[in-house]
Amino acid sequence: MKTKLTFILFFSFCLGFSQEKDSVKTKYQYKPNFTVGVDVLNAALSAFSDRKLFQGYVSSEIKKNLHAVVDVGFEKNIYQKNGYDATANGIFGKLGGYYMLSMDTENPDNGFYAGAKMAASFYNQEYKKVPIRGFGGSDQYLAFPSVNQSAYWLEGFAGARVQLFKSNLYVDVNAQPRFLLYSTKQEEMKPMIVPGFGKSSTKFNVGFSWNLAYQF
């Protein structure tokens, strides 16, 4: 009798553990969801400046309050300062994620967020003028042909998102402090401009975007 009771208790425990384990497994299930955004501010400013910047992103909530995000873009810019005359143009991409820090009780997609991304840029660079010290202290200049370059940086970002008129459209505004990790050099000269990063005379830079996004 004791043996029979022991087996009953053992199998009951196993059955209960199995059901509990299955419930844990099915507790979270990813449902396909995507938000596509376009930076309208920098695209509009491109019409009035030498900097032509076009960028957008795709994000998806992979877990409660945790989102994955991918950015892609193109930038063309010039650098004319301290005797330098350089141009750069190319594509860039960013991969990372962010966490919703606070949300609207009526709509959890509204709120403030913060996150981080790894970024890379692959671009063409040309130095039309590079100042050098000539004979007798006079200023002289060298020119270098266009070459393909690459750069990599770490980017943090923080911002806010708000829904427009109870539609699928959102306004998404954020700032992005950036730190340049590595860049290739031409003739041992560090790049003056890195598409997606900005002017890179220093390793630290800050970007800003005002996006119009659509949630599918």
Protein backbone atom coordinates (compact mmCIF):
# COMPACT_ATOMS: atom_id res chain seq x y z
CA MET A 1 0.00 0.00 0.00
CA LYS A 2 2.84 2.38 0.91
CA THR A 3 4.55 1.56 -2.38
CA LYS A 4 1.37 2.35 -4.30
CA LEU A 5 0.96 5.69 -2.50
CA THR A 6 4.61 6.54 -3.16
CA PHE A 7 4.19 5.98 -6.92
CA ILE A 8 0.98 8.05 -6.96
CA LEU A 9 2.69 10.96 -5.21
CA PHE A 10 5.76 10.72 -7.46
CA PHE A 11 3.76 10.77 -10.71
CA SER A 12 1.52 13.57 -9.40
CA PHE A 13 4.62 15.64 -8.66
CA CYS A 14 6.08 14.97 -12.12
CA LEU A 15 2.78 15.85 -13.81
CA GLY A 16 2.46 19.06 -11.84
CA PHE A 17 6.07 20.07 -12.56
CA SER A 18 5.60 19.35 -16.27
CA GLN A 19 2.44 21.47 -16.43
CA GLU A 20 4.15 24.31 -14.56
CA LYS A 21 7.14 24.13 -16.89
CA ASP A 22 4.90 24.19 -19.95
CA SER A 23 3.04 27.21 -18.61
CA VAL A 24 6.36 29.03 -18.15
CA LYS A 25 7.38 28.19 -21.68
CA THR A 26 4.14 29.50 -23.17
CA LYS A 27 4.02 32.58 -20.96
CA TYR A 28 5.93 34.66 -23.50
CA GLN A 29 5.31 34.41 -27.20
CA TYR A 30 6.68 36.88 -29.76
CA LYS A 31 4.03 38.40 -31.97
CA PRO A 32 5.32 40.02 -35.17
CA ASN A 33 5.16 43.81 -34.82
CA PHE A 34 7.05 46.54 -36.60
CA THR A 35 7.43 50.30 -36.48
CA VAL A 36 9.01 52.08 -39.45
CA GLY A 37 10.29 55.64 -39.00
CA VAL A 38 11.84 58.30 -41.25
CA ASP A 39 13.91 61.24 -40.04
CA VAL A 40 12.01 64.15 -41.60
CA LEU A 41 13.96 66.92 -39.84
CA ASN A 42 17.41 66.16 -41.26
CA ALA A 43 15.93 65.32 -44.66
CA ALA A 44 14.27 68.77 -44.74
CA LEU A 45 17.45 70.54 -43.59
CA SER A 46 19.34 68.87 -46.45
CA ALA A 47 17.68 71.28 -48.85
CA PHE A 48 19.30 74.26 -47.10
CA SER A 49 22.79 73.02 -46.17
CA ASP A 50 25.84 71.22 -47.53
CA ARG A 51 24.99 68.23 -45.37
CA LYS A 52 22.64 65.79 -47.12
CA LEU A 53 21.38 63.28 -44.57
CA PHE A 54 18.63 60.71 -45.16
CA GLN A 55 17.97 58.03 -42.56
CA GLY A 56 15.26 55.78 -41.17
CA TYR A 57 14.73 52.87 -38.80
CA VAL A 58 12.72 49.70 -38.19
CA SER A 59 11.98 48.58 -34.62
CA SER A 60 10.11 45.67 -33.07
CA GLU A 61 9.09 44.86 -29.50
CA ILE A 62 10.75 41.55 -28.71
CA LYS A 63 9.75 41.44 -25.06
CA LYS A 64 7.67 43.62 -22.78
CA ASN A 65 9.17 47.13 -22.87
CA LEU A 66 12.27 45.86 -24.74
CA HIS A 67 12.65 46.74 -28.42
CA ALA A 68 15.21 45.85 -31.10
CA VAL A 69 16.02 48.53 -33.68
CA VAL A 70 17.91 48.77 -36.98
CA ASP A 71 18.88 52.08 -38.62
CA VAL A 72 20.04 52.65 -42.20
CA GLY A 73 20.97 55.86 -43.97
CA PHE A 74 23.02 57.86 -46.45
CA GLU A 75 25.00 61.05 -45.86
CA LYS A 76 26.97 63.40 -48.07
CA ASN A 77 28.91 66.29 -46.51
CA ILE A 78 31.86 68.63 -46.93
CA TYR A 79 34.53 69.87 -44.51
CA GLN A 80 36.07 73.30 -45.15
CA LYS A 81 37.96 74.50 -42.10
CA ASN A 82 41.56 75.35 -41.08
CA GLY A 83 42.70 75.09 -44.69
CA TYR A 84 41.15 71.65 -45.27
CA ASP A 85 38.73 70.98 -48.11
CA ALA A 86 37.33 67.45 -47.90
CA THR A 87 34.20 65.63 -49.06
CA ALA A 88 32.68 62.35 -47.92
CA ASN A 89 29.60 60.37 -48.92
CA GLY A 90 28.37 56.88 -48.16
CA ILE A 91 26.02 54.59 -46.31
CA PHE A 92 25.80 53.70 -42.63
CA GLY A 93 23.93 51.23 -40.46
CA LYS A 94 23.17 50.81 -36.76
CA LEU A 95 21.97 47.85 -34.71
CA GLY A 96 20.81 47.89 -31.10
CA GLY A 97 17.89 48.08 -28.74
CA TYR A 98 16.07 50.29 -26.28
CA TYR A 99 13.93 49.99 -23.18
CA MET A 100 10.73 51.91 -22.46
CA LEU A 101 11.42 53.79 -19.22
CA SER A 102 7.94 55.24 -18.70
CA MET A 103 4.70 54.81 -20.62
CA ASP A 104 1.29 56.33 -21.00
CA THR A 105 -1.33 54.32 -19.08
CA GLU A 106 -3.79 54.61 -21.98
CA ASN A 107 -1.25 53.76 -24.68
CA PRO A 108 1.95 51.86 -23.71
CA ASP A 109 3.53 52.83 -27.06
CA ASN A 110 3.72 56.44 -25.86
CA GLY A 111 6.51 57.32 -23.48
CA PHE A 112 10.22 57.85 -22.86
CA TYR A 113 12.96 55.38 -23.77
CA ALA A 114 16.74 54.89 -23.74
CA GLY A 115 19.07 52.45 -25.43
CA ALA A 116 22.34 51.82 -27.29
CA LYS A 117 23.53 50.84 -30.77
CA MET A 118 26.65 49.67 -32.54
CA ALA A 119 27.19 51.56 -35.80
CA ALA A 120 29.33 51.31 -38.93
CA SER A 121 29.85 53.51 -41.98
CA PHE A 122 31.29 52.64 -45.39
CA TYR A 123 31.99 55.68 -47.52
CA ASN A 124 34.07 57.46 -50.14
CA GLN A 125 36.39 60.27 -49.07
CA GLU A 126 38.37 62.85 -51.04
CA TYR A 127 40.82 65.50 -49.81
CA LYS A 128 40.89 68.39 -52.28
CA LYS A 129 43.14 70.52 -50.07
CA VAL A 130 45.34 69.58 -47.13
CA PRO A 131 47.48 72.37 -45.62
CA ILE A 132 51.21 71.78 -45.18
CA ARG A 133 54.02 74.06 -44.04
CA GLY A 134 55.96 75.22 -47.07
CA PHE A 135 59.43 76.76 -47.54
CA GLY A 136 59.89 79.89 -45.48
CA GLY A 137 56.73 79.24 -43.47
CA SER A 138 54.39 79.80 -46.42
CA ASP A 139 51.16 77.83 -46.64
CA GLN A 140 50.99 75.16 -49.29
CA TYR A 141 48.43 72.50 -50.04
CA LEU A 142 48.31 68.89 -51.19
CA ALA A 143 45.44 66.97 -52.78
CA PHE A 144 44.67 63.28 -52.36
CA PRO A 145 42.47 61.08 -54.60
CA SER A 146 39.16 59.65 -53.45
CA VAL A 147 39.37 56.36 -51.52
CA ASN A 148 36.96 54.02 -49.78
CA GLN A 149 36.99 54.27 -46.00
CA SER A 150 35.17 52.76 -43.02
CA ALA A 151 34.45 53.76 -39.44
CA TYR A 152 32.80 52.22 -36.36
CA TRP A 153 31.28 53.83 -33.29
CA LEU A 154 29.14 53.24 -30.21
CA GLU A 155 25.97 55.26 -29.89
CA GLY A 156 23.62 55.85 -26.99
CA PHE A 157 20.21 57.39 -27.52
CA ALA A 158 17.29 58.66 -25.48
CA GLY A 159 14.00 60.14 -26.55
CA ALA A 160 10.23 60.14 -26.50
CA ARG A 161 7.43 58.88 -28.72
CA VAL A 162 3.82 60.07 -28.92
CA GLN A 163 0.86 58.95 -31.01
CA LEU A 164 -0.81 61.31 -33.49
CA PHE A 165 -4.60 61.60 -33.31
CA LYS A 166 -5.25 57.96 -32.31
CA SER A 167 -3.81 56.77 -35.62
CA ASN A 168 -0.93 54.43 -36.44
CA LEU A 169 1.34 57.46 -36.86
CA TYR A 170 3.82 58.52 -34.17
CA VAL A 171 6.24 61.38 -33.63
CA ASP A 172 9.57 60.03 -32.36
CA VAL A 173 12.27 62.46 -31.19
CA ASN A 174 15.67 61.45 -29.80
CA ALA A 175 19.24 62.59 -29.16
CA GLN A 176 22.28 60.38 -29.81
CA PRO A 177 25.64 60.87 -28.05
CA ARG A 178 28.30 59.05 -30.09
CA PHE A 179 31.82 57.84 -29.45
CA LEU A 180 34.09 56.91 -32.37
CA LEU A 181 35.80 53.58 -31.75
CA TYR A 182 37.85 53.11 -34.94
CA SER A 183 38.27 54.58 -38.41
CA THR A 184 40.56 53.84 -41.32
CA LYS A 185 43.02 56.58 -42.35
CA GLN A 186 44.26 58.01 -45.60
CA GLU A 187 47.97 58.88 -45.59
CA GLU A 188 47.88 58.61 -41.77
CA MET A 189 45.24 61.38 -41.60
CA LYS A 190 42.15 60.82 -39.53
CA PRO A 191 38.87 61.52 -41.37
CA MET A 192 37.29 64.95 -41.07
CA ILE A 193 33.75 63.61 -41.74
CA VAL A 194 32.17 60.21 -41.20
CA PRO A 195 28.70 59.69 -42.74
CA GLY A 196 26.22 58.83 -40.00
CA PHE A 197 28.60 60.02 -37.29
CA GLY A 198 29.16 63.61 -38.37
CA LYS A 199 32.30 65.73 -38.21
CA SER A 200 34.96 63.59 -36.57
CA SER A 201 37.71 66.04 -35.67
CA THR A 202 37.03 64.72 -32.14
CA LYS A 203 35.94 61.24 -31.11
CA PHE A 204 32.76 62.50 -29.42
CA ASN A 205 29.70 63.80 -31.27
CA VAL A 206 25.97 64.26 -30.68
CA GLY A 207 23.20 63.73 -33.22
CA PHE A 208 19.51 64.59 -33.19
CA SER A 209 16.55 63.24 -35.16
CA TRP A 210 12.85 64.04 -35.47
CA ASN A 211 11.09 61.03 -36.93
CA LEU A 212 7.65 60.37 -38.32
CA ALA A 213 6.87 56.69 -37.69
CA TYR A 214 4.15 54.24 -38.68
CA GLN A 215 3.27 51.24 -36.53
CA PHE A 216 2.10 48.09 -38.32
